[in-house]
PDB file of N, CA and C in Angstrom:
ATOM      1  N   LYS A   1       7.190 -14.400   9.662  1.00  0.00           N
ATOM      2  CA  LYS A   1       8.691 -14.359  10.232  1.00  0.00           C
ATOM      3  C   LYS A   1       8.556 -12.828  11.041  1.00  0.00           C
ATOM      4  N   ARG A   2       8.425 -12.360  10.480  1.00  0.00           N
ATOM      5  CA  ARG A   2       8.301 -10.572  11.394  1.00  0.00           C
ATOM      6  C   ARG A   2       7.783 -11.199  12.738  1.00  0.00           C
ATOM      7  N   ASP A   3       6.702 -11.595  13.049  1.00  0.00           N
ATOM      8  CA  ASP A   3       6.127 -11.770  14.010  1.00  0.00           C
ATOM      9  C   ASP A   3       6.874 -12.575  15.022  1.00  0.00           C
ATOM     10  N   VAL A   4       8.053 -13.797  14.526  1.00  0.00           N
ATOM     11  CA  VAL A   4       8.449 -14.322  15.341  1.00  0.00           C
ATOM     12  C   VAL A   4       9.739 -13.780  15.580  1.00  0.00           C
ATOM     13  N   ASN A   5      10.636 -13.141  14.671  1.00  0.00           N
ATOM     14  CA  ASN A   5      11.770 -12.253  14.658  1.00  0.00           C
ATOM     15  C   ASN A   5      11.515 -11.082  15.603  1.00  0.00           C
ATOM     16  N   GLU A   6      10.758 -10.210  15.319  1.00  0.00           N
ATOM     17  CA  GLU A   6      10.480  -8.802  15.714  1.00  0.00           C
ATOM     18  C   GLU A   6       9.792  -8.841  17.026  1.00  0.00           C
ATOM     19  N   ARG A   7       8.651  -9.821  16.911  1.00  0.00           N
ATOM     20  CA  ARG A   7       7.520  -9.747  17.984  1.00  0.00           C
ATOM     21  C   ARG A   7       7.957 -10.676  19.068  1.00  0.00           C
ATOM     22  N   GLY A   8       8.750 -11.611  19.141  1.00  0.00           N
ATOM     23  CA  GLY A   8       8.766 -12.608  20.086  1.00  0.00           C
ATOM     24  C   GLY A   8       7.769 -13.771  20.025  1.00  0.00           C
ATOM     25  N   ARG A   9       6.870 -13.873  19.025  1.00  0.00           N
ATOM     26  CA  ARG A   9       6.139 -14.905  18.736  1.00  0.00           C
ATOM     27  C   ARG A   9       6.629 -15.987  18.777  1.00  0.00           C
ATOM     28  N   SER A  10       5.782 -17.256  19.003  1.00  0.00           N
ATOM     29  CA  SER A  10       6.257 -18.401  18.787  1.00  0.00           C
ATOM     30  C   SER A  10       5.495 -18.917  17.295  1.00  0.00           C
ATOM     31  N   MET A  11       6.073 -20.054  16.395  1.00  0.00           N
ATOM     32  CA  MET A  11       5.975 -19.965  15.304  1.00  0.00           C
ATOM     33  C   MET A  11       4.154 -20.678  15.200  1.00  0.00           C
ATOM     34  N   ASP A  12       4.166 -21.779  16.381  1.00  0.00           N
ATOM     35  CA  ASP A  12       3.095 -22.269  16.414  1.00  0.00           C
ATOM     36  C   ASP A  12       1.854 -20.994  16.935  1.00  0.00           C
ATOM     37  N   SER A  13       2.005 -20.160  17.858  1.00  0.00           N
ATOM     38  CA  SER A  13       1.232 -18.918  18.100  1.00  0.00           C
ATOM     39  C   SER A  13       0.933 -18.396  16.831  1.00  0.00           C
ATOM     40  N   VAL A  14       1.717 -18.292  15.756  1.00  0.00           N
ATOM     41  CA  VAL A  14       1.320 -17.527  14.314  1.00  0.00           C
ATOM     42  C   VAL A  14       0.581 -18.372  13.645  1.00  0.00           C
ATOM     43  N   ILE A  15       0.862 -19.681  13.147  1.00  0.00           N
ATOM     44  CA  ILE A  15      -0.016 -20.577  12.622  1.00  0.00           C
ATOM     45  C   ILE A  15      -1.618 -20.587  12.965  1.00  0.00           C
ATOM     46  N   GLU A  16      -1.516 -20.686  14.668  1.00  0.00           N
ATOM     47  CA  GLU A  16      -2.718 -20.945  15.385  1.00  0.00           C
ATOM     48  C   GLU A  16      -3.546 -19.747  14.854  1.00  0.00           C
ATOM     49  N   GLN A  17      -2.914 -18.505  15.142  1.00  0.00           N
ATOM     50  CA  GLN A  17      -3.653 -17.204  14.679  1.00  0.00           C
ATOM     51  C   GLN A  17      -4.361 -17.205  13.269  1.00  0.00           C
ATOM     52  N   TYR A  18      -3.405 -17.799  12.179  1.00  0.00           N
ATOM     53  CA  TYR A  18      -3.817 -18.021  10.819  1.00  0.00           C
ATOM     54  C   TYR A  18      -4.907 -18.889  10.703  1.00  0.00           C
ATOM     55  N   GLN A  19      -4.811 -19.868  11.201  1.00  0.00           N
ATOM     56  CA  GLN A  19      -5.937 -21.072  11.059  1.00  0.00           C
ATOM     57  C   GLN A  19      -7.043 -20.612  11.555  1.00  0.00           C
ATOM     58  N   ARG A  20      -7.233 -19.633  12.711  1.00  0.00           N
ATOM     59  CA  ARG A  20      -8.420 -19.217  13.406  1.00  0.00           C
ATOM     60  C   ARG A  20      -9.003 -17.949  12.986  1.00  0.00           C
ATOM     61  N   THR A  21      -8.228 -17.146  12.545  1.00  0.00           N
ATOM     62  CA  THR A  21      -8.719 -16.069  12.049  1.00  0.00           C
ATOM     63  C   THR A  21      -8.594 -15.608  10.282  1.00  0.00           C
ATOM     64  N   VAL A  22      -7.328 -15.461   9.848  1.00  0.00           N
ATOM     65  CA  VAL A  22      -7.184 -15.497   8.460  1.00  0.00           C
ATOM     66  C   VAL A  22      -7.524 -16.270   7.516  1.00  0.00           C
ATOM     67  N   ARG A  23      -7.420 -17.235   7.614  1.00  0.00           N
ATOM     68  CA  ARG A  23      -7.842 -18.797   6.798  1.00  0.00           C
ATOM     69  C   ARG A  23      -9.486 -18.606   6.575  1.00  0.00           C
ATOM     70  N   PRO A  24     -10.304 -18.413   8.025  1.00  0.00           N
ATOM     71  CA  PRO A  24     -11.628 -18.487   7.598  1.00  0.00           C
ATOM     72  C   PRO A  24     -12.131 -17.156   6.601  1.00  0.00           C
ATOM     73  N   MET A  25     -11.310 -16.160   7.094  1.00  0.00           N
ATOM     74  CA  MET A  25     -11.860 -14.993   6.386  1.00  0.00           C
ATOM     75  C   MET A  25     -11.609 -14.875   4.642  1.00  0.00           C
ATOM     76  N   ILE A  26     -10.797 -15.618   4.537  1.00  0.00           N
ATOM     77  CA  ILE A  26      -9.854 -15.619   3.081  1.00  0.00           C
ATOM     78  C   ILE A  26     -11.415 -16.400   2.590  1.00  0.00           C
ATOM     79  N   ALA A  27     -11.506 -17.651   3.238  1.00  0.00           N
ATOM     80  CA  ALA A  27     -12.679 -18.497   2.741  1.00  0.00           C
ATOM     81  C   ALA A  27     -13.987 -17.810   2.725  1.00  0.00           C
ATOM     82  N   PHE A  28     -14.539 -16.854   3.486  1.00  0.00           N
ATOM     83  CA  PHE A  28     -15.675 -16.509   3.655  1.00  0.00           C
ATOM     84  C   PHE A  28     -15.690 -15.194   2.643  1.00  0.00           C
ATOM     85  N   PHE A  29     -14.566 -14.351   2.600  1.00  0.00           N
ATOM     86  CA  PHE A  29     -14.971 -13.131   1.401  1.00  0.00           C
ATOM     87  C   PHE A  29     -14.121 -13.461   0.370  1.00  0.00           C
ATOM     88  N   VAL A  30     -13.131 -13.745   0.322  1.00  0.00           N
ATOM     89  CA  VAL A  30     -12.301 -13.876  -1.171  1.00  0.00           C
ATOM     90  C   VAL A  30     -12.916 -14.683  -1.795  1.00  0.00           C
ATOM     91  N   ARG A  31     -13.252 -15.955  -1.325  1.00  0.00           N
ATOM     92  CA  ARG A  31     -13.806 -16.789  -2.404  1.00  0.00           C
ATOM     93  C   ARG A  31     -14.880 -16.639  -3.005  1.00  0.00           C
ATOM     94  N   PHE A  32     -15.701 -15.831  -2.625  1.00  0.00           N
ATOM     95  CA  PHE A  32     -17.147 -15.435  -3.662  1.00  0.00           C
ATOM     96  C   PHE A  32     -16.492 -14.536  -4.688  1.00  0.00           C
ATOM     97  N   ALA A  33     -15.653 -13.537  -4.312  1.00  0.00           N
ATOM     98  CA  ALA A  33     -15.009 -12.520  -5.311  1.00  0.00           C
ATOM     99  C   ALA A  33     -14.181 -13.240  -6.110  1.00  0.00           C
ATOM    100  N   TRP A  34     -13.215 -14.161  -5.894  1.00  0.00           N
ATOM    101  CA  TRP A  34     -12.728 -15.174  -6.850  1.00  0.00           C
ATOM    102  C   TRP A  34     -13.782 -15.828  -7.863  1.00  0.00           C
ATOM    103  N   GLU A  35     -14.696 -16.203  -7.365  1.00  0.00           N
ATOM    104  CA  GLU A  35     -15.675 -17.377  -8.276  1.00  0.00           C
ATOM    105  C   GLU A  35     -16.235 -16.466  -9.379  1.00  0.00           C
ATOM    106  N   TRP A  36     -16.654 -15.225  -8.914  1.00  0.00           N
ATOM    107  CA  TRP A  36     -17.338 -14.553  -9.566  1.00  0.00           C
ATOM    108  C   TRP A  36     -16.311 -14.142 -10.632  1.00  0.00           C
ATOM    109  N   ALA A  37     -15.381 -13.849 -10.295  1.00  0.00           N
ATOM    110  CA  ALA A  37     -14.387 -13.224 -11.505  1.00  0.00           C
ATOM    111  C   ALA A  37     -13.681 -14.359 -12.151  1.00  0.00           C
ATOM    112  N   VAL A  38     -13.861 -15.669 -12.106  1.00  0.00           N
ATOM    113  CA  VAL A  38     -13.880 -16.809 -12.929  1.00  0.00           C
ATOM    114  C   VAL A  38     -14.740 -17.114 -13.880  1.00  0.00           C
ATOM    115  N   LYS A  39     -15.859 -16.847 -13.153  1.00  0.00           N
ATOM    116  CA  LYS A  39     -16.815 -17.129 -14.333  1.00  0.00           C
ATOM    117  C   LYS A  39     -17.090 -15.989 -15.043  1.00  0.00           C
ATOM    118  N   ASN A  40     -16.823 -14.541 -14.735  1.00  0.00           N
ATOM    119  CA  ASN A  40     -17.236 -13.511 -15.522  1.00  0.00           C
ATOM    120  C   ASN A  40     -16.478 -12.464 -16.144  1.00  0.00           C
ATOM    121  N   ALA A  41     -15.396 -12.379 -15.146  1.00  0.00           N
ATOM    122  CA  ALA A  41     -14.401 -11.327 -15.941  1.00  0.00           C
ATOM    123  C   ALA A  41     -13.384 -12.355 -16.580  1.00  0.00           C
ATOM    124  N   LEU A  42     -12.952 -13.447 -16.353  1.00  0.00           N
ATOM    125  CA  LEU A  42     -11.462 -14.138 -16.868  1.00  0.00           C
ATOM    126  C   LEU A  42     -11.731 -14.672 -18.461  1.00  0.00           C
ATOM    127  N   PRO A  43     -13.237 -15.093 -18.585  1.00  0.00           N
ATOM    128  CA  PRO A  43     -13.273 -15.583 -20.040  1.00  0.00           C
ATOM    129  C   PRO A  43     -13.381 -14.519 -20.662  1.00  0.00           C
ATOM    130  N   ASP A  44     -13.450 -13.423 -20.496  1.00  0.00           N
ATOM    131  CA  ASP A  44     -13.657 -12.309 -21.482  1.00  0.00           C
ATOM    132  C   ASP A  44     -12.471 -11.376 -21.417  1.00  0.00           C
ATOM    133  N   CYS A  45     -11.422 -12.018 -20.603  1.00  0.00           N
ATOM    134  CA  CYS A  45     -10.017 -11.270 -20.728  1.00  0.00           C
ATOM    135  C   CYS A  45      -9.283 -11.758 -21.744  1.00  0.00           C
ATOM    136  N   PRO A  46      -8.542 -10.972 -22.618  1.00  0.00           N
ATOM    137  CA  PRO A  46      -7.666 -11.396 -23.884  1.00  0.00           C
ATOM    138  C   PRO A  46      -6.347 -12.064 -23.173  1.00  0.00           C
ATOM    139  N   THR A  47      -5.958 -11.585 -21.909  1.00  0.00           N
ATOM    140  CA  THR A  47      -4.720 -12.338 -21.493  1.00  0.00           C
ATOM    141  C   THR A  47      -5.221 -13.504 -20.578  1.00  0.00           C
ATOM    142  N   ALA A  48      -6.229 -13.924 -20.241  1.00  0.00           N
ATOM    143  CA  ALA A  48      -6.640 -15.082 -19.456  1.00  0.00           C
ATOM    144  C   ALA A  48      -6.088 -16.503 -19.781  1.00  0.00           C
ATOM    145  N   ARG A  49      -6.198 -16.464 -21.263  1.00  0.00           N
ATOM    146  CA  ARG A  49      -5.337 -17.851 -21.757  1.00  0.00           C
ATOM    147  C   ARG A  49      -3.878 -17.950 -21.437  1.00  0.00           C
ATOM    148  N   TYR A  50      -3.268 -16.754 -21.199  1.00  0.00           N
ATOM    149  CA  TYR A  50      -1.841 -16.670 -20.929  1.00  0.00           C
ATOM    150  C   TYR A  50      -1.894 -17.202 -19.361  1.00  0.00           C
ATOM    151  N   ALA A  51      -2.464 -16.521 -18.473  1.00  0.00           N
ATOM    152  CA  ALA A  51      -2.575 -16.368 -16.846  1.00  0.00           C
ATOM    153  C   ALA A  51      -3.308 -17.649 -16.472  1.00  0.00           C
ATOM    154  N   GLY A  52      -4.116 -18.143 -17.200  1.00  0.00           N
ATOM    155  CA  GLY A  52      -5.036 -19.223 -16.537  1.00  0.00           C
ATOM    156  C   GLY A  52      -4.181 -20.475 -16.052  1.00  0.00           C
ATOM    157  N   PRO A  53      -2.937 -20.781 -16.609  1.00  0.00           N
ATOM    158  CA  PRO A  53      -2.151 -22.038 -16.209  1.00  0.00           C
ATOM    159  C   PRO A  53      -1.757 -21.672 -14.510  1.00  0.00           C
ATOM    160  N   TYR A  54      -1.545 -20.552 -14.620  1.00  0.00           N
ATOM    161  CA  TYR A  54      -1.123 -19.887 -13.297  1.00  0.00           C
ATOM    162  C   TYR A  54      -2.176 -19.404 -12.273  1.00  0.00           C
ATOM    163  N   LEU A  55      -3.172 -19.515 -12.550  1.00  0.00           N
ATOM    164  CA  LEU A  55      -4.236 -18.970 -11.884  1.00  0.00           C
ATOM    165  C   LEU A  55      -5.292 -20.275 -10.859  1.00  0.00           C
ATOM    166  N   PRO A  56      -5.420 -20.339  -9.808  1.00  0.00           N
ATOM    167  CA  PRO A  56      -6.291 -21.364  -9.330  1.00  0.00           C
ATOM    168  C   PRO A  56      -7.699 -21.101  -9.768  1.00  0.00           C
ATOM    169  N   ARG A  57      -8.458 -22.318  -9.865  1.00  0.00           N
ATOM    170  CA  ARG A  57      -9.864 -22.122 -10.397  1.00  0.00           C
ATOM    171  C   ARG A  57     -10.651 -22.099  -9.168  1.00  0.00           C
ATOM    172  N   THR A  58     -10.324 -22.557  -8.070  1.00  0.00           N
ATOM    173  CA  THR A  58     -10.810 -22.354  -6.903  1.00  0.00           C
ATOM    174  C   THR A  58      -9.990 -21.888  -5.767  1.00  0.00           C
ATOM    175  N   LEU A  59     -10.423 -21.554  -4.424  1.00  0.00           N
ATOM    176  CA  LEU A  59      -9.300 -21.268  -3.281  1.00  0.00           C
ATOM    177  C   LEU A  59      -9.837 -22.187  -2.298  1.00  0.00           C
TER     178      LEU A  59
END
């Protein structure tokens, strides 16, 4: 929203940048950390059973 309102970018250019740069980096970097946490940290976390329904199991 800020890029469109304050920087004058089009919504299409914002979406294109997200799909070209941000989304692949999430898939590359965050996915591995998330998968490790799901396998290793969440099973031992005492509050995981409460948070579980709100947390995705994969990205």
